[in-house]
Amino acid sequence: ISARPSGTEPKIKFYFSVQAPLENKAAYEN
């Protein structure tokens, strides 16, 4: 998780990245 305020306006962005193994193509949606 990354938190990064804007330097020019009263705004802050939160970036989220998660991961898991994918056994095969069929499991993609789940």
Full PDB file with SEQRES, HELIX, SHEET, SSBOND, CRYST1, ORIGX, SCALE, CONECT and MASTER records, all heavy atoms in Angstrom:
SEQRES   1 A   30  ILE SER ALA ARG PRO SER GLY THR GLU PRO LYS ILE LYS          
SEQRES   2 A   30  PHE TYR PHE SER VAL GLN ALA PRO LEU GLU ASN LYS ALA          
SEQRES   3 A   30  ALA TYR GLU ASN                                              
HELIX    1 AA1 LYS A   25  ALA A   27  5                                   3    
SHEET    1 AA1 2 SER A   2  PRO A   5  0                                        
SHEET    2 AA1 2 ILE A  12  TYR A  15 -1                                        
CRYST1    1.000    1.000    1.000  90.00  90.00  90.00 P 1           1          
ORIGX1      1.000000  0.000000  0.000000        0.00000                         
ORIGX2      0.000000  1.000000  0.000000        0.00000                         
ORIGX3      0.000000  0.000000  1.000000        0.00000                         
SCALE1      1.000000  0.000000  0.000000        0.00000                         
SCALE2      0.000000  1.000000  0.000000        0.00000                         
SCALE3      0.000000  0.000000  1.000000        0.00000                         
ATOM      1  N   ILE A   1       0.868  -1.177   0.000  1.00  0.00           N  
ATOM      2  CA  ILE A   1       0.000   0.000   0.000  1.00  0.00           C  
ATOM      3  C   ILE A   1       0.906   1.228   0.000  1.00  0.00           C  
ATOM      4  O   ILE A   1       1.830   1.334   0.821  1.00  0.00           O  
ATOM      5  CB  ILE A   1      -0.918   0.028   1.256  1.00  0.00           C  
ATOM      6  CG1 ILE A   1      -1.819  -1.213   1.278  1.00  0.00           C  
ATOM      7  CG2 ILE A   1      -1.772   1.286   1.279  1.00  0.00           C  
ATOM      8  CD1 ILE A   1      -1.280  -2.354   2.094  1.00  0.00           C  
ATOM      9  N   SER A   2       0.670   2.145  -0.919  1.00  0.00           N  
ATOM     10  CA  SER A   2       1.472   3.368  -1.000  1.00  0.00           C  
ATOM     11  C   SER A   2       0.567   4.572  -0.794  1.00  0.00           C  
ATOM     12  O   SER A   2      -0.528   4.636  -1.358  1.00  0.00           O  
ATOM     13  CB  SER A   2       2.142   3.478  -2.380  1.00  0.00           C  
ATOM     14  OG  SER A   2       2.811   2.281  -2.726  1.00  0.00           O  
ATOM     15  N   ALA A   3       1.042   5.536   0.000  1.00  0.00           N  
ATOM     16  CA  ALA A   3       0.312   6.797   0.205  1.00  0.00           C  
ATOM     17  C   ALA A   3       1.180   7.922  -0.330  1.00  0.00           C  
ATOM     18  O   ALA A   3       2.356   8.039   0.045  1.00  0.00           O  
ATOM     19  CB  ALA A   3       0.028   7.012   1.683  1.00  0.00           C  
ATOM     20  N   ARG A   4       0.594   8.729  -1.234  1.00  0.00           N  
ATOM     21  CA  ARG A   4       1.387   9.786  -1.886  1.00  0.00           C  
ATOM     22  C   ARG A   4       0.544  11.044  -2.084  1.00  0.00           C  
ATOM     23  O   ARG A   4      -0.345  11.076  -2.932  1.00  0.00           O  
ATOM     24  CB  ARG A   4       1.884   9.249  -3.232  1.00  0.00           C  
ATOM     25  CG  ARG A   4       2.721  10.218  -4.020  1.00  0.00           C  
ATOM     26  CD  ARG A   4       3.242   9.578  -5.300  1.00  0.00           C  
ATOM     27  NE  ARG A   4       3.615  10.605  -6.241  1.00  0.00           N  
ATOM     28  CZ  ARG A   4       2.866  11.013  -7.259  1.00  0.00           C  
ATOM     29  NH1 ARG A   4       1.695  10.465  -7.485  1.00  0.00           N  
ATOM     30  NH2 ARG A   4       3.278  11.974  -8.064  1.00  0.00           N  
ATOM     31  N   PRO A   5       0.818  12.095  -1.297  1.00  0.00           N  
ATOM     32  CA  PRO A   5       0.076  13.340  -1.496  1.00  0.00           C  
ATOM     33  C   PRO A   5       0.545  14.063  -2.762  1.00  0.00           C  
ATOM     34  O   PRO A   5       1.698  13.927  -3.168  1.00  0.00           O  
ATOM     35  CB  PRO A   5       0.422  14.172  -0.254  1.00  0.00           C  
ATOM     36  CG  PRO A   5       1.241  13.308   0.626  1.00  0.00           C  
ATOM     37  CD  PRO A   5       1.787  12.205  -0.207  1.00  0.00           C  
ATOM     38  N   SER A   6      -0.349  14.840  -3.363  1.00  0.00           N  
ATOM     39  CA  SER A   6       0.021  15.674  -4.500  1.00  0.00           C  
ATOM     40  C   SER A   6       0.815  16.859  -3.975  1.00  0.00           C  
ATOM     41  O   SER A   6       0.522  17.385  -2.902  1.00  0.00           O  
ATOM     42  CB  SER A   6      -1.239  16.172  -5.210  1.00  0.00           C  
ATOM     43  OG  SER A   6      -0.923  17.251  -6.061  1.00  0.00           O  
ATOM     44  N   GLY A   7       1.805  17.288  -4.740  1.00  0.00           N  
ATOM     45  CA  GLY A   7       2.578  18.457  -4.322  1.00  0.00           C  
ATOM     46  C   GLY A   7       1.907  19.767  -4.679  1.00  0.00           C  
ATOM     47  O   GLY A   7       2.287  20.828  -4.186  1.00  0.00           O  
ATOM     48  N   THR A   8       0.892  19.719  -5.540  1.00  0.00           N  
ATOM     49  CA  THR A   8       0.318  20.959  -6.074  1.00  0.00           C  
ATOM     50  C   THR A   8      -1.128  21.219  -5.677  1.00  0.00           C  
ATOM     51  O   THR A   8      -1.619  22.322  -5.813  1.00  0.00           O  
ATOM     52  CB  THR A   8       0.396  20.960  -7.615  1.00  0.00           C  
ATOM     53  OG1 THR A   8      -0.219  19.747  -8.091  1.00  0.00           O  
ATOM     54  CG2 THR A   8       1.825  21.017  -8.105  1.00  0.00           C  
ATOM     55  N   GLU A   9      -1.836  20.183  -5.213  1.00  0.00           N  
ATOM     56  CA  GLU A   9      -3.249  20.382  -4.858  1.00  0.00           C  
ATOM     57  C   GLU A   9      -3.582  19.562  -3.613  1.00  0.00           C  
ATOM     58  O   GLU A   9      -2.860  18.631  -3.269  1.00  0.00           O  
ATOM     59  CB  GLU A   9      -4.158  20.017  -6.039  1.00  0.00           C  
ATOM     60  CG  GLU A   9      -3.839  18.694  -6.684  1.00  0.00           C  
ATOM     61  CD  GLU A   9      -4.531  18.467  -8.019  1.00  0.00           C  
ATOM     62  OE1 GLU A   9      -5.601  19.045  -8.250  1.00  0.00           O  
ATOM     63  OE2 GLU A   9      -3.990  17.686  -8.810  1.00  0.00           O  
ATOM     64  N   PRO A  10      -4.685  19.901  -2.915  1.00  0.00           N  
ATOM     65  CA  PRO A  10      -5.020  19.171  -1.676  1.00  0.00           C  
ATOM     66  C   PRO A  10      -5.607  17.798  -1.964  1.00  0.00           C  
ATOM     67  O   PRO A  10      -6.776  17.527  -1.764  1.00  0.00           O  
ATOM     68  CB  PRO A  10      -6.033  20.099  -0.993  1.00  0.00           C  
ATOM     69  CG  PRO A  10      -6.660  20.862  -2.106  1.00  0.00           C  
ATOM     70  CD  PRO A  10      -5.636  20.995  -3.182  1.00  0.00           C  
ATOM     71  N   LYS A  11      -4.752  16.912  -2.461  1.00  0.00           N  
ATOM     72  CA  LYS A  11      -5.197  15.587  -2.888  1.00  0.00           C  
ATOM     73  C   LYS A  11      -4.169  14.558  -2.434  1.00  0.00           C  
ATOM     74  O   LYS A  11      -2.971  14.835  -2.405  1.00  0.00           O  
ATOM     75  CB  LYS A  11      -5.289  15.606  -4.423  1.00  0.00           C  
ATOM     76  CG  LYS A  11      -5.877  14.344  -5.033  1.00  0.00           C  
ATOM     77  CD  LYS A  11      -5.737  14.362  -6.550  1.00  0.00           C  
ATOM     78  CE  LYS A  11      -6.840  15.119  -7.227  1.00  0.00           C  
ATOM     79  NZ  LYS A  11      -6.792  14.970  -8.701  1.00  0.00           N  
ATOM     80  N   ILE A  12      -4.646  13.370  -2.059  1.00  0.00           N  
ATOM     81  CA  ILE A  12      -3.734  12.280  -1.705  1.00  0.00           C  
ATOM     82  C   ILE A  12      -4.176  11.022  -2.437  1.00  0.00           C  
ATOM     83  O   ILE A  12      -5.368  10.740  -2.551  1.00  0.00           O  
ATOM     84  CB  ILE A  12      -3.676  12.072  -0.164  1.00  0.00           C  
ATOM     85  CG1 ILE A  12      -2.653  10.985   0.204  1.00  0.00           C  
ATOM     86  CG2 ILE A  12      -5.039  11.756   0.426  1.00  0.00           C  
ATOM     87  CD1 ILE A  12      -2.294  10.957   1.688  1.00  0.00           C  
ATOM     88  N   LYS A  13      -3.197  10.289  -2.951  1.00  0.00           N  
ATOM     89  CA  LYS A  13      -3.495   9.037  -3.667  1.00  0.00           C  
ATOM     90  C   LYS A  13      -3.024   7.857  -2.840  1.00  0.00           C  
ATOM     91  O   LYS A  13      -1.940   7.890  -2.254  1.00  0.00           O  
ATOM     92  CB  LYS A  13      -2.775   9.025  -5.031  1.00  0.00           C  
ATOM     93  CG  LYS A  13      -3.404   9.927  -6.073  1.00  0.00           C  
ATOM     94  CD  LYS A  13      -2.660   9.822  -7.393  1.00  0.00           C  
ATOM     95  CE  LYS A  13      -3.339  10.653  -8.473  1.00  0.00           C  
ATOM     96  NZ  LYS A  13      -2.605  10.617  -9.743  1.00  0.00           N  
ATOM     97  N   PHE A  14      -3.860   6.811  -2.815  1.00  0.00           N  
ATOM     98  CA  PHE A  14      -3.493   5.547  -2.185  1.00  0.00           C  
ATOM     99  C   PHE A  14      -3.461   4.470  -3.271  1.00  0.00           C  
ATOM    100  O   PHE A  14      -4.433   4.278  -3.991  1.00  0.00           O  
ATOM    101  CB  PHE A  14      -4.500   5.166  -1.102  1.00  0.00           C  
ATOM    102  CG  PHE A  14      -4.425   6.028   0.120  1.00  0.00           C  
ATOM    103  CD1 PHE A  14      -5.193   7.179   0.226  1.00  0.00           C  
ATOM    104  CD2 PHE A  14      -3.558   5.705   1.162  1.00  0.00           C  
ATOM    105  CE1 PHE A  14      -5.117   7.993   1.347  1.00  0.00           C  
ATOM    106  CE2 PHE A  14      -3.480   6.511   2.289  1.00  0.00           C  
ATOM    107  CZ  PHE A  14      -4.255   7.661   2.379  1.00  0.00           C  
ATOM    108  N   TYR A  15      -2.313   3.798  -3.384  1.00  0.00           N  
ATOM    109  CA  TYR A  15      -2.131   2.738  -4.383  1.00  0.00           C  
ATOM    110  C   TYR A  15      -2.139   1.403  -3.650  1.00  0.00           C  
ATOM    111  O   TYR A  15      -1.438   1.238  -2.647  1.00  0.00           O  
ATOM    112  CB  TYR A  15      -0.782   2.882  -5.088  1.00  0.00           C  
ATOM    113  CG  TYR A  15      -0.525   4.225  -5.741  1.00  0.00           C  
ATOM    114  CD1 TYR A  15      -0.135   5.331  -4.992  1.00  0.00           C  
ATOM    115  CD2 TYR A  15      -0.634   4.378  -7.121  1.00  0.00           C  
ATOM    116  CE1 TYR A  15       0.126   6.556  -5.587  1.00  0.00           C  
ATOM    117  CE2 TYR A  15      -0.361   5.600  -7.732  1.00  0.00           C  
ATOM    118  CZ  TYR A  15       0.021   6.685  -6.956  1.00  0.00           C  
ATOM    119  OH  TYR A  15       0.292   7.893  -7.557  1.00  0.00           O  
ATOM    120  N   PHE A  16      -2.917   0.451  -4.158  1.00  0.00           N  
ATOM    121  CA  PHE A  16      -3.028  -0.869  -3.526  1.00  0.00           C  
ATOM    122  C   PHE A  16      -2.570  -1.939  -4.511  1.00  0.00           C  
ATOM    123  O   PHE A  16      -2.970  -1.924  -5.678  1.00  0.00           O  
ATOM    124  CB  PHE A  16      -4.474  -1.147  -3.111  1.00  0.00           C  
ATOM    125  CG  PHE A  16      -5.019  -0.102  -2.176  1.00  0.00           C  
ATOM    126  CD1 PHE A  16      -5.701   1.011  -2.668  1.00  0.00           C  
ATOM    127  CD2 PHE A  16      -4.831  -0.200  -0.801  1.00  0.00           C  
ATOM    128  CE1 PHE A  16      -6.185   1.986  -1.824  1.00  0.00           C  
ATOM    129  CE2 PHE A  16      -5.307   0.780   0.057  1.00  0.00           C  
ATOM    130  CZ  PHE A  16      -5.989   1.879  -0.455  1.00  0.00           C  
ATOM    131  N   SER A  17      -1.740  -2.842  -4.055  1.00  0.00           N  
ATOM    132  CA  SER A  17      -1.300  -3.956  -4.895  1.00  0.00           C  
ATOM    133  C   SER A  17      -1.361  -5.240  -4.078  1.00  0.00           C  
ATOM    134  O   SER A  17      -0.780  -5.317  -2.986  1.00  0.00           O  
ATOM    135  CB  SER A  17       0.129  -3.721  -5.388  1.00  0.00           C  
ATOM    136  OG  SER A  17       0.551  -4.820  -6.167  1.00  0.00           O  
ATOM    137  N   VAL A  18      -2.104  -6.218  -4.607  1.00  0.00           N  
ATOM    138  CA  VAL A  18      -2.211  -7.524  -3.937  1.00  0.00           C  
ATOM    139  C   VAL A  18      -1.852  -8.620  -4.935  1.00  0.00           C  
ATOM    140  O   VAL A  18      -1.853  -8.383  -6.150  1.00  0.00           O  
ATOM    141  CB  VAL A  18      -3.635  -7.759  -3.366  1.00  0.00           C  
ATOM    142  CG1 VAL A  18      -3.932  -6.776  -2.252  1.00  0.00           C  
ATOM    143  CG2 VAL A  18      -4.698  -7.641  -4.456  1.00  0.00           C  
ATOM    144  N   GLN A  19      -1.538  -9.791  -4.428  1.00  0.00           N  
ATOM    145  CA  GLN A  19      -1.112 -10.873  -5.329  1.00  0.00           C  
ATOM    146  C   GLN A  19      -1.481 -12.235  -4.767  1.00  0.00           C  
ATOM    147  O   GLN A  19      -1.648 -12.395  -3.560  1.00  0.00           O  
ATOM    148  CB  GLN A  19       0.400 -10.790  -5.535  1.00  0.00           C  
ATOM    149  CG  GLN A  19       1.171 -10.784  -4.223  1.00  0.00           C  
ATOM    150  CD  GLN A  19       2.668 -10.701  -4.415  1.00  0.00           C  
ATOM    151  OE1 GLN A  19       3.283 -11.691  -4.796  1.00  0.00           O  
ATOM    152  NE2 GLN A  19       3.262  -9.550  -4.162  1.00  0.00           N  
ATOM    153  N   ALA A  20      -1.599 -13.172  -5.696  1.00  0.00           N  
ATOM    154  CA  ALA A  20      -1.875 -14.567  -5.315  1.00  0.00           C  
ATOM    155  C   ALA A  20      -1.433 -15.458  -6.474  1.00  0.00           C  
ATOM    156  O   ALA A  20      -1.405 -15.017  -7.624  1.00  0.00           O  
ATOM    157  CB  ALA A  20      -3.370 -14.765  -5.048  1.00  0.00           C  
ATOM    158  N   PRO A  21      -1.102 -16.712  -6.196  1.00  0.00           N  
ATOM    159  CA  PRO A  21      -0.752 -17.613  -7.308  1.00  0.00           C  
ATOM    160  C   PRO A  21      -1.985 -17.860  -8.191  1.00  0.00           C  
ATOM    161  O   PRO A  21      -3.119 -17.836  -7.696  1.00  0.00           O  
ATOM    162  CB  PRO A  21      -0.329 -18.906  -6.609  1.00  0.00           C  
ATOM    163  CG  PRO A  21      -0.208 -18.570  -5.164  1.00  0.00           C  
ATOM    164  CD  PRO A  21      -1.056 -17.370  -4.902  1.00  0.00           C  
ATOM    165  N   LEU A  22      -1.766 -18.072  -9.459  1.00  0.00           N  
ATOM    166  CA  LEU A  22      -2.838 -18.469 -10.384  1.00  0.00           C  
ATOM    167  C   LEU A  22      -2.426 -19.811 -10.985  1.00  0.00           C  
ATOM    168  O   LEU A  22      -1.471 -19.891 -11.761  1.00  0.00           O  
ATOM    169  CB  LEU A  22      -3.038 -17.405 -11.472  1.00  0.00           C  
ATOM    170  CG  LEU A  22      -4.188 -17.657 -12.453  1.00  0.00           C  
ATOM    171  CD1 LEU A  22      -5.543 -17.622 -11.747  1.00  0.00           C  
ATOM    172  CD2 LEU A  22      -4.185 -16.642 -13.597  1.00  0.00           C  
ATOM    173  N   GLU A  23      -3.141 -20.861 -10.568  1.00  0.00           N  
ATOM    174  CA  GLU A  23      -2.763 -22.218 -10.990  1.00  0.00           C  
ATOM    175  C   GLU A  23      -2.920 -22.418 -12.490  1.00  0.00           C  
ATOM    176  O   GLU A  23      -2.086 -23.015 -13.151  1.00  0.00           O  
ATOM    177  CB  GLU A  23      -3.610 -23.255 -10.237  1.00  0.00           C  
ATOM    178  CG  GLU A  23      -3.330 -23.339  -8.736  1.00  0.00           C  
ATOM    179  CD  GLU A  23      -1.873 -23.658  -8.430  1.00  0.00           C  
ATOM    180  OE1 GLU A  23      -1.287 -24.509  -9.131  1.00  0.00           O  
ATOM    181  OE2 GLU A  23      -1.319 -23.020  -7.502  1.00  0.00           O  
ATOM    182  N   ASN A  24      -4.043 -21.923 -13.016  1.00  0.00           N  
ATOM    183  CA  ASN A  24      -4.308 -22.085 -14.454  1.00  0.00           C  
ATOM    184  C   ASN A  24      -5.311 -21.025 -14.910  1.00  0.00           C  
ATOM    185  O   ASN A  24      -5.902 -20.318 -14.094  1.00  0.00           O  
ATOM    186  CB  ASN A  24      -4.835 -23.499 -14.761  1.00  0.00           C  
ATOM    187  CG  ASN A  24      -6.006 -23.851 -13.856  1.00  0.00           C  
ATOM    188  OD1 ASN A  24      -6.965 -23.079 -13.731  1.00  0.00           O  
ATOM    189  ND2 ASN A  24      -5.932 -25.005 -13.202  1.00  0.00           N  
ATOM    190  N   LYS A  25      -5.509 -20.968 -16.215  1.00  0.00           N  
ATOM    191  CA  LYS A  25      -6.373 -19.945 -16.812  1.00  0.00           C  
ATOM    192  C   LYS A  25      -7.818 -20.050 -16.293  1.00  0.00           C  
ATOM    193  O   LYS A  25      -8.495 -19.049 -16.082  1.00  0.00           O  
ATOM    194  CB  LYS A  25      -6.350 -20.106 -18.333  1.00  0.00           C  
ATOM    195  CG  LYS A  25      -6.914 -18.921 -19.083  1.00  0.00           C  
ATOM    196  CD  LYS A  25      -6.792 -19.082 -20.591  1.00  0.00           C  
ATOM    197  CE  LYS A  25      -7.504 -17.942 -21.307  1.00  0.00           C  
ATOM    198  NZ  LYS A  25      -7.417 -18.048 -22.760  1.00  0.00           N  
ATOM    199  N   ALA A  26      -8.250 -21.257 -16.039  1.00  0.00           N  
ATOM    200  CA  ALA A  26      -9.634 -21.487 -15.611  1.00  0.00           C  
ATOM    201  C   ALA A  26      -9.928 -20.841 -14.255  1.00  0.00           C  
ATOM    202  O   ALA A  26     -11.067 -20.474 -13.961  1.00  0.00           O  
ATOM    203  CB  ALA A  26      -9.906 -22.989 -15.538  1.00  0.00           C  
ATOM    204  N   ALA A  27      -8.881 -20.672 -13.447  1.00  0.00           N  
ATOM    205  CA  ALA A  27      -9.077 -20.111 -12.097  1.00  0.00           C  
ATOM    206  C   ALA A  27      -9.082 -18.577 -12.092  1.00  0.00           C  
ATOM    207  O   ALA A  27      -9.267 -17.953 -11.039  1.00  0.00           O  
ATOM    208  CB  ALA A  27      -7.969 -20.627 -11.171  1.00  0.00           C  
ATOM    209  N   TYR A  28      -8.873 -17.960 -13.256  1.00  0.00           N  
ATOM    210  CA  TYR A  28      -8.688 -16.496 -13.352  1.00  0.00           C  
ATOM    211  C   TYR A  28      -9.799 -15.702 -12.652  1.00  0.00           C  
ATOM    212  O   TYR A  28      -9.526 -14.867 -11.788  1.00  0.00           O  
ATOM    213  CB  TYR A  28      -8.573 -16.086 -14.832  1.00  0.00           C  
ATOM    214  CG  TYR A  28      -8.594 -14.588 -15.055  1.00  0.00           C  
ATOM    215  CD1 TYR A  28      -7.458 -13.811 -14.842  1.00  0.00           C  
ATOM    216  CD2 TYR A  28      -9.765 -13.945 -15.478  1.00  0.00           C  
ATOM    217  CE1 TYR A  28      -7.473 -12.434 -15.044  1.00  0.00           C  
ATOM    218  CE2 TYR A  28      -9.792 -12.577 -15.672  1.00  0.00           C  
ATOM    219  CZ  TYR A  28      -8.652 -11.819 -15.460  1.00  0.00           C  
ATOM    220  OH  TYR A  28      -8.673 -10.460 -15.651  1.00  0.00           O  
ATOM    221  N   GLU A  29     -11.049 -15.970 -13.001  1.00  0.00           N  
ATOM    222  CA  GLU A  29     -12.166 -15.172 -12.466  1.00  0.00           C  
ATOM    223  C   GLU A  29     -12.271 -15.295 -10.940  1.00  0.00           C  
ATOM    224  O   GLU A  29     -12.468 -14.308 -10.235  1.00  0.00           O  
ATOM    225  CB  GLU A  29     -13.496 -15.570 -13.118  1.00  0.00           C  
ATOM    226  CG  GLU A  29     -13.697 -15.018 -14.541  1.00  0.00           C  
ATOM    227  CD  GLU A  29     -13.670 -13.491 -14.636  1.00  0.00           C  
ATOM    228  OE1 GLU A  29     -13.987 -12.818 -13.628  1.00  0.00           O  
ATOM    229  OE2 GLU A  29     -13.322 -12.965 -15.705  1.00  0.00           O  
ATOM    230  N   ASN A  30     -12.135 -16.530 -10.440  1.00  0.00           N  
ATOM    231  CA  ASN A  30     -12.243 -16.745  -8.989  1.00  0.00           C  
ATOM    232  C   ASN A  30     -11.153 -16.017  -8.214  1.00  0.00           C  
ATOM    233  O   ASN A  30     -11.419 -15.381  -7.189  1.00  0.00           O  
ATOM    234  CB  ASN A  30     -12.185 -18.243  -8.658  1.00  0.00           C  
ATOM    235  CG  ASN A  30     -13.488 -18.939  -9.043  1.00  0.00           C  
ATOM    236  OD1 ASN A  30     -14.500 -18.287  -9.255  1.00  0.00           O  
ATOM    237  ND2 ASN A  30     -13.440 -20.259  -9.152  1.00  0.00           N  
TER     238      ASN A  30                                                      
MASTER        0    0    0    1    2    0    0    6  237    1    0    3          
END                                                                             
